[in-house]
């Protein structure tokens, strides 16, 4: 039964992957998800062999590669830096993927466009969000009876099914994100399955690997050459070469099967557990860099990498010319949680010299940042009580890492992508007629500290989420926003519904009304409390969503 569960899980995810890739021309990625179970039964024999003998999960490989037409000459100059698009994780849920008692709450985070416009991209993201939700729902339904048996026998408390997403790149050329679906449905270990999603940033269209790579055979050869660097020979399944070829040149569909994502520095391809190796070897990935392999890629997807913000794997190490002397220095860090104290001991090392300090909360994520002047910094996010997060910043330009302290107003990533040192989003907690998360655009200053581009914080609330509102219980004086430079005073009656949209964090909350007009509610802060015309804010509204 354990093997059957694993097969159902993999088959369901593979169905989604195939469906999204076969829809490139029409923009639709909706497939027959109900066929996941039949696909599972066809693959059951392979998975049983995998569990017992650890051979490969292979299909019949093509005897020869499909011929690729490669442009005669690769353009060596950028076609212009693509305009970035703010894409984030929406607070609006599609609802629990399953309402039974067999599982802990099954949540599928949804992606949304934070900027105005981009209607075609919104359509694509909305469709993909729904299909990801459908996949989790199907996994829950198909395995519910078995999980219920395990619960009744006292073997597990509940099953676990969840999804997490990581945005890798978001601009007018491509919006790329990684989906990691986690399941524990009984047995000796949980499973995680990786899927890459890649959408055209300017159209309702799924991008295939061939849309980004112009020398497909050369790209494949590069990936093959890196396999010995991520797996030991004894870990690889027998016949893995045929499996690898089938991932890139499948017979049963027009586009690749290999999961991949794209960031500003290159393309990463992923090998899920069991695909090339046994479970003990875990999953693997190969990064193909733009700078070193420019001829492989279509020029329109290349970016200026003279300055960057590079997300680092936990406890990563790398070699970079940190001090500008033309010689690469070894950089590494180690984050060790002290669970009893709810702290993290962080060690940051350049060469053989290490800075060590203990910080409150647990390590969350980190970036290696190169500024436009060539200076390097290290940004580290920690997560504390109630998911309050903050950044610690380090100067890497000297012989030893130097702490520059934390961000001045508690700004941090909160799961959002830092794609570039010149333009990125940071979020912070906002207490203004409720508790919200607000964001604004920053750039890395000359001293390494993030500098905001504006005083206005846009609230991380999906405009389609009509539940995030406040309702007045008495007449309220507001200032109607007529245009960028003009406001008009007005009084709105009790019972008016306001949808929070933005704030400066200290003197007003800008809201949208049900008819689409905007107005500002002006406030004052007295002894740490928010008041409106000298009256406590909670006396004006039916309910204010303050945390705690």
Protein backbone atom coordinates (compact mmCIF):
# COMPACT_ATOMS: atom_id res chain seq x y z
CA UNK A 1 0.00 0.00 0.00
CA UNK A 2 2.87 2.36 0.77
CA UNK A 3 4.16 1.95 -2.77
CA UNK A 4 0.73 2.63 -4.21
CA UNK A 5 0.48 5.89 -2.27
CA UNK A 6 3.83 7.02 -3.59
CA UNK A 7 2.79 6.18 -7.13
CA UNK A 8 -0.48 8.09 -6.84
CA UNK A 9 1.42 11.11 -5.58
CA UNK A 10 4.04 11.07 -8.32
CA UNK A 11 1.53 10.36 -11.05
CA UNK A 12 -0.72 13.22 -10.02
CA UNK A 13 2.15 15.68 -10.06
CA UNK A 14 3.45 14.34 -13.37
CA UNK A 15 0.01 14.81 -14.87
CA UNK A 16 0.10 18.49 -13.94
CA UNK A 17 3.59 18.88 -15.36
CA UNK A 18 2.61 17.28 -18.64
CA UNK A 19 -0.62 19.25 -18.90
CA UNK A 20 1.02 22.64 -18.37
CA UNK A 21 3.68 21.89 -20.97
CA UNK A 22 1.29 20.64 -23.65
CA UNK A 23 -0.63 23.93 -23.55
CA UNK A 24 2.01 26.32 -24.80
CA UNK A 25 0.14 27.63 -27.81
CA UNK A 26 -3.31 28.14 -26.30
CA UNK A 27 -2.30 29.29 -22.85
CA UNK A 28 -4.52 26.66 -21.23
CA UNK A 29 -2.90 24.15 -18.91
CA UNK A 30 -6.05 22.40 -17.73
CA UNK A 31 -5.75 18.64 -18.05
CA UNK A 32 -7.76 15.61 -17.09
CA UNK A 33 -6.61 15.33 -13.49
CA UNK A 34 -8.93 12.43 -12.91
CA UNK A 35 -6.63 10.26 -15.01
CA UNK A 36 -3.91 10.47 -12.37
CA UNK A 37 -5.03 7.20 -10.80
CA UNK A 38 -4.87 5.30 -14.08
CA UNK A 39 -1.44 6.75 -14.77
CA UNK A 40 -0.43 5.56 -11.31
CA UNK A 41 -1.43 1.97 -11.92
CA UNK A 42 0.57 1.89 -15.15
CA UNK A 43 3.68 2.91 -13.24
CA UNK A 44 3.17 0.75 -10.13
CA UNK A 45 5.43 -2.08 -11.29
CA UNK A 46 8.32 0.35 -11.80
CA UNK A 47 7.93 1.88 -8.35
CA UNK A 48 7.82 -1.51 -6.65
CA UNK A 49 11.13 -2.39 -8.26
CA UNK A 50 12.52 0.97 -7.14
CA UNK A 51 11.57 0.40 -3.50
CA UNK A 52 12.95 -3.14 -3.37
CA UNK A 53 16.01 -3.13 -5.62
CA UNK A 54 16.74 0.58 -6.28
CA UNK A 55 16.91 0.33 -10.08
CA UNK A 56 16.07 3.29 -12.30
CA UNK A 57 12.67 4.59 -13.26
CA UNK A 58 13.26 4.49 -16.98
CA UNK A 59 11.28 4.60 -20.13
CA UNK A 60 12.41 3.55 -23.54
CA UNK A 61 14.89 6.25 -24.57
CA UNK A 62 14.99 7.69 -28.03
CA UNK A 63 17.65 6.18 -30.24
CA UNK A 64 18.57 9.58 -31.55
CA UNK A 65 17.85 13.14 -30.53
CA UNK A 66 15.25 15.23 -32.25
CA UNK A 67 16.91 17.62 -34.66
CA UNK A 68 17.05 21.18 -33.40
CA UNK A 69 17.30 24.29 -35.53
CA UNK A 70 19.84 26.54 -33.84
CA UNK A 71 20.28 30.14 -34.84
CA UNK A 72 23.39 30.54 -36.99
CA UNK A 73 24.82 33.24 -34.84
CA UNK A 74 24.10 34.01 -31.19
CA UNK A 75 23.61 37.63 -30.34
CA UNK A 76 26.24 38.62 -27.77
CA UNK A 77 24.61 41.78 -26.45
CA UNK A 78 21.60 42.16 -24.20
CA UNK A 79 18.36 43.15 -25.88
CA UNK A 80 17.52 45.46 -22.99
CA UNK A 81 17.00 44.80 -19.31
CA UNK A 82 13.50 43.31 -18.88
CA UNK A 83 11.11 45.27 -16.68
CA UNK A 84 10.53 43.55 -13.35
CA UNK A 85 7.06 42.53 -12.17
CA UNK A 86 6.15 42.33 -8.48
CA UNK A 87 4.80 38.82 -7.95
CA UNK A 88 4.10 37.56 -4.45
CA UNK A 89 2.22 35.06 -2.36
CA UNK A 90 -1.40 36.02 -1.98
CA UNK A 91 -3.20 36.20 1.36
CA UNK A 92 -6.31 35.05 -0.47
CA UNK A 93 -6.66 31.28 -0.31
CA UNK A 94 -8.61 29.07 -2.68
CA UNK A 95 -9.85 27.31 0.44
CA UNK A 96 -8.65 24.15 2.06
CA UNK A 97 -7.84 21.49 -0.52
CA UNK A 98 -9.58 18.89 1.62
CA UNK A 99 -12.11 19.24 4.44
CA UNK A 100 -11.94 15.75 5.96
CA UNK A 101 -10.26 14.85 9.24
CA UNK A 102 -7.63 12.55 7.72
CA UNK A 103 -5.14 15.37 7.17
CA UNK A 104 -3.86 18.44 8.89
CA UNK A 105 -5.04 21.62 7.17
CA UNK A 106 -4.13 21.31 3.48
CA UNK A 107 -3.06 24.70 2.18
CA UNK A 108 -1.95 25.67 -1.31
CA UNK A 109 -0.33 29.15 -1.39
CA UNK A 110 -1.38 31.17 -4.41
CA UNK A 111 0.71 33.58 -6.46
CA UNK A 112 -0.59 36.99 -7.47
CA UNK A 113 0.64 40.07 -9.34
CA UNK A 114 1.17 42.97 -6.95
CA UNK A 115 1.62 45.61 -9.68
CA UNK A 116 -1.27 47.12 -11.61
CA UNK A 117 -2.00 45.77 -15.07
CA UNK A 118 -0.49 42.52 -16.43
CA UNK A 119 -3.94 41.07 -17.07
CA UNK A 120 -2.69 38.23 -19.28
CA UNK A 121 -0.17 37.14 -16.65
CA UNK A 122 -2.91 37.28 -14.02
CA UNK A 123 -4.96 34.86 -16.09
CA UNK A 124 -2.06 32.44 -16.37
CA UNK A 125 -1.25 32.57 -12.66
CA UNK A 126 -4.90 32.13 -11.74
CA UNK A 127 -5.15 29.01 -13.88
CA UNK A 128 -1.91 27.54 -12.50
CA UNK A 129 -2.99 28.31 -8.92
CA UNK A 130 -6.22 26.41 -9.46
CA UNK A 131 -4.49 23.42 -11.02
CA UNK A 132 -1.99 23.19 -8.16
CA UNK A 133 -4.94 23.23 -5.76
CA UNK A 134 -6.65 20.48 -7.78
CA UNK A 135 -3.55 18.29 -7.57
CA UNK A 136 -3.40 18.52 -3.76
CA UNK A 137 -7.13 17.84 -3.57
CA UNK A 138 -6.77 14.71 -5.73
CA UNK A 139 -3.88 13.40 -3.64
CA UNK A 140 -5.97 13.81 -0.49
CA UNK A 141 -9.07 12.13 -1.93
CA UNK A 142 -7.22 9.19 -3.50
CA UNK A 143 -5.36 8.35 -0.28
CA UNK A 144 -8.03 9.23 2.31
CA UNK A 145 -9.22 5.65 3.00
CA UNK A 146 -5.72 4.34 3.60
CA UNK A 147 -4.72 7.29 5.81
CA UNK A 148 -7.90 6.79 7.83
CA UNK A 149 -6.89 3.14 8.40
CA UNK A 150 -3.48 4.23 9.71
CA UNK A 151 -5.13 6.73 12.06
CA UNK A 152 -7.55 4.10 13.38
CA UNK A 153 -4.63 1.73 14.00
CA UNK A 154 -2.79 4.46 15.91
CA UNK A 155 0.16 4.49 13.48
CA UNK A 156 -0.11 8.19 12.63
CA UNK A 157 -2.03 11.16 14.01
CA UNK A 158 -2.93 12.61 10.62
CA UNK A 159 -1.61 12.70 7.09
CA UNK A 160 0.35 15.66 5.76
CA UNK A 161 -0.14 17.25 2.34
CA UNK A 162 1.10 20.76 1.57
CA UNK A 163 2.68 22.93 -1.07
CA UNK A 164 5.25 25.73 -0.90
CA UNK A 165 6.30 28.09 -3.67
CA UNK A 166 9.50 30.05 -4.30
CA UNK A 167 9.59 32.77 -6.95
CA UNK A 168 12.88 32.60 -8.88
CA UNK A 169 12.33 35.37 -11.42
CA UNK A 170 9.51 37.74 -12.35
CA UNK A 171 9.77 40.16 -15.26
CA UNK A 172 8.15 40.90 -18.62
CA UNK A 173 10.06 38.02 -20.27
CA UNK A 174 9.45 35.22 -17.80
CA UNK A 175 7.80 34.53 -14.45
CA UNK A 176 9.40 31.41 -13.00
CA UNK A 177 8.65 29.71 -9.71
CA UNK A 178 9.34 26.45 -7.93
CA UNK A 179 6.59 24.36 -6.35
CA UNK A 180 7.57 21.81 -3.69
CA UNK A 181 4.75 19.44 -2.77
CA UNK A 182 5.25 17.63 0.52
CA UNK A 183 3.33 14.53 1.56
CA UNK A 184 3.41 12.13 4.46
CA UNK A 185 0.83 9.39 3.97
CA UNK A 186 2.28 6.79 6.30
CA UNK A 187 5.32 4.63 5.74
CA UNK A 188 8.96 5.12 6.64
CA UNK A 189 9.48 8.61 5.27
CA UNK A 190 7.73 11.64 3.74
CA UNK A 191 8.13 12.64 0.10
CA UNK A 192 8.74 15.94 -1.64
CA UNK A 193 8.10 16.48 -5.34
CA UNK A 194 9.48 19.47 -7.25
CA UNK A 195 7.73 21.12 -10.19
CA UNK A 196 8.91 24.18 -12.09
CA UNK A 197 6.39 26.64 -13.53
CA UNK A 198 7.43 29.11 -16.20
CA UNK A 199 5.02 31.66 -17.64
CA UNK A 200 5.43 34.36 -20.24
CA UNK A 201 5.52 37.63 -18.32
CA UNK A 202 3.66 39.46 -21.09
CA UNK A 203 1.11 36.89 -22.26
CA UNK A 204 -1.14 34.09 -21.04
CA UNK A 205 1.30 31.40 -22.13
CA UNK A 206 3.37 28.62 -20.57
CA UNK A 207 7.04 28.71 -21.62
CA UNK A 208 8.89 25.52 -22.45
CA UNK A 209 12.61 25.00 -22.06
CA UNK A 210 13.01 25.35 -25.84
CA UNK A 211 11.48 28.84 -25.63
CA UNK A 212 14.44 29.97 -23.51
CA UNK A 213 17.23 27.71 -24.78
CA UNK A 214 18.34 28.12 -28.39
CA UNK A 215 20.96 25.33 -28.42
CA UNK A 216 18.89 22.54 -26.88
CA UNK A 217 21.39 19.76 -27.64
CA UNK A 218 24.22 21.81 -26.16
CA UNK A 219 22.15 22.49 -23.04
CA UNK A 220 21.46 18.77 -22.67
CA UNK A 221 25.15 17.93 -23.05
CA UNK A 222 26.05 20.45 -20.33
CA UNK A 223 23.55 18.90 -17.90
CA UNK A 224 24.81 15.38 -18.66
CA UNK A 225 28.38 16.48 -17.96
CA UNK A 226 27.39 17.68 -14.47
CA UNK A 227 25.63 14.50 -13.30
CA UNK A 228 28.86 13.01 -11.80
CA UNK A 229 29.17 16.15 -9.66
CA UNK A 230 25.80 15.70 -7.94
CA UNK A 231 25.59 11.91 -7.67
CA UNK A 232 28.09 9.21 -6.76
CA UNK A 233 28.26 6.51 -9.44
CA UNK A 234 26.98 3.88 -7.01
CA UNK A 235 23.91 6.05 -6.27
CA UNK A 236 22.74 6.19 -9.88
CA UNK A 237 20.13 3.78 -11.13
CA UNK A 238 20.96 1.25 -13.77
CA UNK A 239 19.98 2.74 -17.13
CA UNK A 240 19.83 6.30 -15.77
CA UNK A 241 21.26 7.58 -19.07
CA UNK A 242 18.11 6.51 -20.92
CA UNK A 243 15.94 8.07 -18.23
CA UNK A 244 17.85 11.34 -18.50
CA UNK A 245 17.49 11.40 -22.27
CA UNK A 246 13.77 10.70 -22.02
CA UNK A 247 13.36 13.70 -19.67
CA UNK A 248 14.71 16.00 -22.39
CA UNK A 249 13.58 14.13 -25.54
CA UNK A 250 10.35 12.32 -24.60
CA UNK A 251 8.44 10.29 -27.13
CA UNK A 252 5.04 10.72 -25.55
CA UNK A 253 4.87 14.53 -25.50
CA UNK A 254 6.21 17.41 -27.55
CA UNK A 255 8.04 19.25 -24.78
CA UNK A 256 10.46 18.35 -22.03
CA UNK A 257 9.55 16.44 -18.87
CA UNK A 258 12.43 17.79 -16.81
CA UNK A 259 11.38 20.32 -14.13
CA UNK A 260 13.22 23.64 -14.48
CA UNK A 261 13.24 27.24 -13.32
CA UNK A 262 14.94 30.38 -14.56
CA UNK A 263 16.47 33.22 -12.55
CA UNK A 264 18.52 36.27 -13.57
CA UNK A 265 21.75 34.27 -13.67
CA UNK A 266 20.74 31.05 -15.43
CA UNK A 267 18.53 27.98 -15.54
CA UNK A 268 18.27 25.23 -12.92
CA UNK A 269 16.99 21.76 -13.80
CA UNK A 270 15.79 19.42 -11.04
CA UNK A 271 15.85 15.66 -10.59
CA UNK A 272 13.20 14.41 -8.21
CA UNK A 273 13.80 11.54 -5.81
CA UNK A 274 13.74 8.13 -7.52
CA UNK A 275 14.18 9.58 -11.02
CA UNK A 276 17.93 9.04 -11.43
CA UNK A 277 18.81 7.54 -8.06
CA UNK A 278 17.47 5.84 -4.95
CA UNK A 279 15.67 7.65 -2.13
CA UNK A 280 18.81 7.80 0.01
CA UNK A 281 20.54 9.94 -2.61
CA UNK A 282 17.65 12.43 -2.48
CA UNK A 283 16.89 14.90 -5.26
CA UNK A 284 19.50 16.79 -7.28
CA UNK A 285 19.82 19.84 -9.48
CA UNK A 286 22.11 21.31 -12.13
CA UNK A 287 22.58 25.05 -12.63
CA UNK A 288 23.46 26.26 -16.15
CA UNK A 289 24.83 29.84 -15.91
CA UNK A 290 24.10 32.55 -18.46
CA UNK A 291 27.52 34.17 -18.19
CA UNK A 292 29.53 31.01 -18.87
CA UNK A 293 27.21 29.46 -21.46
CA UNK A 294 25.70 32.45 -23.25
CA UNK A 295 25.51 30.72 -26.62
CA UNK A 296 23.01 28.20 -25.25
CA UNK A 297 20.32 30.79 -24.48
CA UNK A 298 18.07 33.14 -26.39
CA UNK A 299 19.41 36.69 -25.90
CA UNK A 300 16.10 38.17 -24.76
CA UNK A 301 16.24 36.13 -21.54
CA UNK A 302 19.76 37.24 -20.55
CA UNK A 303 20.13 39.85 -17.81
CA UNK A 304 22.80 42.24 -16.62
CA UNK A 305 24.65 40.20 -13.96
CA UNK A 306 27.28 42.83 -13.12
CA UNK A 307 25.17 43.41 -10.00
CA UNK A 308 22.86 40.85 -8.43
CA UNK A 309 21.14 39.36 -5.41
CA UNK A 310 21.64 35.59 -5.34
CA UNK A 311 19.56 33.41 -3.03
CA UNK A 312 21.83 30.97 -1.20
CA UNK A 313 21.14 27.44 -0.08
CA UNK A 314 21.35 26.96 3.65
CA UNK A 315 24.98 26.71 4.88
CA UNK A 316 26.25 27.35 1.35
CA UNK A 317 29.80 28.11 0.24
CA UNK A 318 31.02 29.76 -2.94
CA UNK A 319 34.02 31.52 -4.46
CA UNK A 320 33.72 35.20 -5.43
CA UNK A 321 36.11 38.10 -5.89
CA UNK A 322 34.79 39.81 -2.78
CA UNK A 323 37.43 42.54 -2.47
CA UNK A 324 37.94 43.32 -6.15
CA UNK A 325 41.57 42.20 -6.37
CA UNK A 326 40.88 39.79 -9.22
CA UNK A 327 41.31 36.73 -7.01
CA UNK A 328 38.37 34.70 -5.77
CA UNK A 329 37.83 34.37 -2.02
CA UNK A 330 36.06 31.44 -0.38
CA UNK A 331 32.83 32.56 1.32
CA UNK A 332 30.66 30.36 3.51
CA UNK A 333 28.17 30.53 6.35
CA UNK A 334 26.76 28.18 8.95
CA UNK A 335 23.42 28.67 10.73
CA UNK A 336 22.86 26.50 13.81
CA UNK A 337 19.55 26.74 15.65
CA UNK A 338 19.56 26.64 19.44
CA UNK A 339 16.04 25.33 19.91
CA UNK A 340 15.78 25.64 23.68
CA UNK A 341 16.81 29.31 23.56
CA UNK A 342 14.91 30.04 20.32
CA UNK A 343 18.07 31.53 18.80
CA UNK A 344 20.44 30.88 15.90
CA UNK A 345 24.22 30.85 16.08
CA UNK A 346 25.46 32.31 12.77
CA UNK A 347 29.04 31.98 11.54
CA UNK A 348 30.08 33.94 8.44
CA UNK A 349 33.49 33.12 6.96
CA UNK A 350 35.79 34.70 4.36
CA UNK A 351 38.82 32.52 3.73
CA UNK A 352 39.90 31.43 7.19
CA UNK A 353 38.46 34.36 9.17
CA UNK A 354 35.04 34.01 10.77
CA UNK A 355 32.52 36.32 12.39
CA UNK A 356 30.18 34.54 14.83
CA UNK A 357 27.15 35.88 16.67
CA UNK A 358 23.89 34.57 18.14
CA UNK A 359 20.59 36.05 16.91
CA UNK A 360 17.04 35.75 18.17
CA UNK A 361 14.71 33.53 16.19
CA UNK A 362 15.54 30.92 13.57
CA UNK A 363 17.35 31.22 10.25
CA UNK A 364 14.94 31.74 7.35
CA UNK A 365 16.87 32.54 4.14
CA UNK A 366 19.82 34.53 2.82
CA UNK A 367 21.25 36.31 -0.21
CA UNK A 368 24.71 37.14 -1.49
CA UNK A 369 24.40 40.70 -2.83
CA UNK A 370 26.69 42.52 -5.27
CA UNK A 371 26.06 46.24 -5.58
CA UNK A 372 26.54 48.37 -8.70
CA UNK A 373 29.93 49.54 -7.36
CA UNK A 374 31.10 45.92 -7.12
CA UNK A 375 30.84 45.74 -3.33
CA UNK A 376 29.56 42.50 -1.77
CA UNK A 377 27.13 42.12 1.14
CA UNK A 378 25.43 39.23 2.88
CA UNK A 379 21.72 39.55 3.77
CA UNK A 380 20.32 37.05 6.30
CA UNK A 381 16.70 36.77 7.39
CA UNK A 382 15.64 35.46 10.80
CA UNK A 383 12.10 34.56 11.84
CA UNK A 384 10.92 35.15 15.41
CA UNK A 385 7.70 34.97 17.43
CA UNK A 386 4.46 35.29 15.44
CA UNK A 387 6.51 35.06 12.24
CA UNK A 388 8.05 38.49 12.86
CA UNK A 389 11.11 38.68 10.61
CA UNK A 390 14.15 40.90 10.33
CA UNK A 391 17.36 41.18 8.29
CA UNK A 392 20.96 41.16 9.47
CA UNK A 393 23.43 42.63 6.99
CA UNK A 394 27.17 41.97 6.64
CA UNK A 395 29.89 43.76 4.69
CA UNK A 396 32.04 41.21 2.83
CA UNK A 397 34.55 43.65 1.32
CA UNK A 398 37.29 43.18 3.93
CA UNK A 399 39.38 40.33 5.27
CA UNK A 400 36.72 39.45 7.85
CA UNK A 401 32.91 39.82 7.63
CA UNK A 402 31.66 42.97 9.38
CA UNK A 403 28.15 43.22 10.85
CA UNK A 404 26.26 46.32 9.69
CA UNK A 405 23.32 45.61 11.99
CA UNK A 406 19.69 45.02 11.12
CA UNK A 407 17.26 46.87 8.88
CA UNK A 408 16.05 50.04 10.61
CA UNK A 409 12.29 49.38 10.55
CA UNK A 410 12.25 45.61 10.64
CA UNK A 411 12.06 45.29 6.86
CA UNK A 412 12.58 41.77 5.58
CA UNK A 413 11.81 39.36 2.73
CA UNK A 414 8.80 37.50 4.15
CA UNK A 415 9.14 34.96 1.34
CA UNK A 416 9.43 37.48 -1.50
CA UNK A 417 12.20 37.40 -4.06
CA UNK A 418 15.21 39.69 -3.90
CA UNK A 419 16.12 39.50 -7.57
CA UNK A 420 18.52 42.41 -7.95
CA UNK A 421 20.46 44.83 -5.75
CA UNK A 422 18.99 47.79 -7.64
CA UNK A 423 15.29 46.95 -7.36
CA UNK A 424 13.68 44.61 -4.87
CA UNK A 425 10.78 44.36 -2.44
CA UNK A 426 11.00 44.27 1.33
CA UNK A 427 8.05 43.85 3.65
CA UNK A 428 7.32 44.97 7.20
CA UNK A 429 4.56 44.73 9.76
CA UNK A 430 2.16 47.67 9.67
CA UNK A 431 -0.16 48.69 12.52
CA UNK A 432 -2.72 51.06 11.01
CA UNK A 433 -6.43 50.38 11.70
CA UNK A 434 -5.41 46.74 11.87
CA UNK A 435 -2.28 44.63 11.49
CA UNK A 436 -1.07 44.17 7.93
CA UNK A 437 2.07 43.38 5.98
CA UNK A 438 3.17 46.25 3.77
CA UNK A 439 5.81 46.34 1.05
CA UNK A 440 7.72 48.87 -0.99
CA UNK A 441 10.61 48.90 -3.46
CA UNK A 442 14.21 49.34 -2.29
CA UNK A 443 17.74 49.49 -3.62
CA UNK A 444 20.98 48.68 -1.82
CA UNK A 445 22.58 51.93 -0.64
CA UNK A 446 26.26 52.80 -0.78
CA UNK A 447 26.61 51.61 2.83
CA UNK A 448 24.93 48.28 2.12
CA UNK A 449 21.67 49.15 3.89
CA UNK A 450 18.39 48.97 1.90
CA UNK A 451 17.07 52.40 0.86
CA UNK A 452 13.31 52.76 0.16
CA UNK A 453 12.22 54.34 -3.12
CA UNK A 454 9.05 55.76 -1.57
CA UNK A 455 7.47 56.42 1.82
CA UNK A 456 4.25 54.62 0.85
CA UNK A 457 3.78 51.02 1.92
CA UNK A 458 1.43 49.01 -0.30
CA UNK A 459 -0.46 46.44 1.75
CA UNK A 460 -0.08 42.80 0.79
CA UNK A 461 -3.77 42.23 0.19
CA UNK A 462 -5.02 40.72 -3.04
CA UNK A 463 -7.48 43.23 -4.59
CA UNK A 464 -9.77 40.27 -5.31
CA UNK A 465 -9.94 39.40 -1.61
CA UNK A 466 -13.16 41.09 -0.49
CA UNK A 467 -12.99 39.63 3.02
CA UNK A 468 -10.11 41.89 4.06
CA UNK A 469 -12.15 44.96 4.90
CA UNK A 470 -13.17 47.23 7.78
CA UNK A 471 -16.67 48.63 8.29
CA UNK A 472 -17.50 51.90 10.00
CA UNK A 473 -20.09 52.14 12.78
CA UNK A 474 -20.33 55.96 12.79
CA UNK A 475 -19.99 58.76 10.28
CA UNK A 476 -16.33 59.20 9.33
CA UNK A 477 -14.46 62.15 7.86
CA UNK A 478 -12.19 61.08 4.99
CA UNK A 479 -10.22 62.67 2.18
CA UNK A 480 -11.26 61.48 -1.26
CA UNK A 481 -8.30 60.92 -3.60
CA UNK A 482 -9.16 62.87 -6.76
CA UNK A 483 -5.76 62.53 -8.44
CA UNK A 484 -2.06 62.32 -7.48
CA UNK A 485 -1.98 65.87 -6.13
CA UNK A 486 -5.54 66.59 -5.03
CA UNK A 487 -7.78 65.41 -2.19
CA UNK A 488 -11.27 66.54 -1.19
CA UNK A 489 -12.72 66.28 2.30
CA UNK A 490 -15.92 64.25 2.66
CA UNK A 491 -17.99 62.49 5.32
CA UNK A 492 -18.97 58.89 4.68
CA UNK A 493 -21.92 57.40 6.61
CA UNK A 494 -21.85 54.59 9.13
CA UNK A 495 -21.89 51.20 7.44
CA UNK A 496 -19.37 52.16 4.77
CA UNK A 497 -17.03 49.30 3.85
CA UNK A 498 -13.34 50.16 3.34
CA UNK A 499 -10.73 47.92 1.67
CA UNK A 500 -7.23 48.80 2.98
CA UNK A 501 -4.69 49.40 0.21
CA UNK A 502 -1.70 51.48 1.38
CA UNK A 503 -0.31 53.68 4.15
CA UNK A 504 2.67 55.81 5.16
CA UNK A 505 2.70 53.91 8.43
CA UNK A 506 2.06 56.94 10.62
CA UNK A 507 -0.59 59.40 9.42
CA UNK A 508 -3.13 57.76 7.08
CA UNK A 509 -4.60 54.57 5.66
CA UNK A 510 -5.61 54.72 2.02
CA UNK A 511 -8.60 52.53 1.22
CA UNK A 512 -10.73 51.53 -1.73
CA UNK A 513 -14.51 51.88 -1.55
CA UNK A 514 -17.00 49.40 -2.97
CA UNK A 515 -17.61 51.69 -5.97
CA UNK A 516 -13.87 51.74 -6.84
CA UNK A 517 -13.12 55.22 -5.49
CA UNK A 518 -10.20 55.78 -3.13
CA UNK A 519 -10.07 57.74 0.09
CA UNK A 520 -7.65 58.36 2.95
CA UNK A 521 -8.50 57.98 6.61
CA UNK A 522 -6.23 60.35 8.52
CA UNK A 523 -5.07 59.35 12.00
CA UNK A 524 -2.78 60.49 14.80
CA UNK A 525 -0.66 58.42 17.16
CA UNK A 526 -0.99 59.35 20.84
CA UNK A 527 0.87 57.37 23.50
CA UNK A 528 1.27 54.50 21.07
CA UNK A 529 -2.46 54.40 20.29
CA UNK A 530 -4.10 55.33 16.99
CA UNK A 531 -6.84 57.96 17.25
CA UNK A 532 -9.15 59.67 14.78
CA UNK A 533 -10.16 63.20 15.75
CA UNK A 534 -9.13 62.38 19.33
CA UNK A 535 -11.24 59.20 19.52
CA UNK A 536 -9.78 55.68 19.70
CA UNK A 537 -9.80 54.01 16.29
CA UNK A 538 -11.79 50.96 17.44
CA UNK A 539 -14.78 53.18 18.29
CA UNK A 540 -15.16 54.05 14.61
CA UNK A 541 -15.24 50.50 13.23
CA UNK A 542 -17.14 47.27 13.71
CA UNK A 543 -13.90 45.27 13.96
CA UNK A 544 -10.24 46.14 13.41
CA UNK A 545 -8.03 43.15 12.54
CA UNK A 546 -5.16 43.78 14.95
CA UNK A 547 -2.99 40.75 15.65
CA UNK A 548 -2.57 39.53 19.20
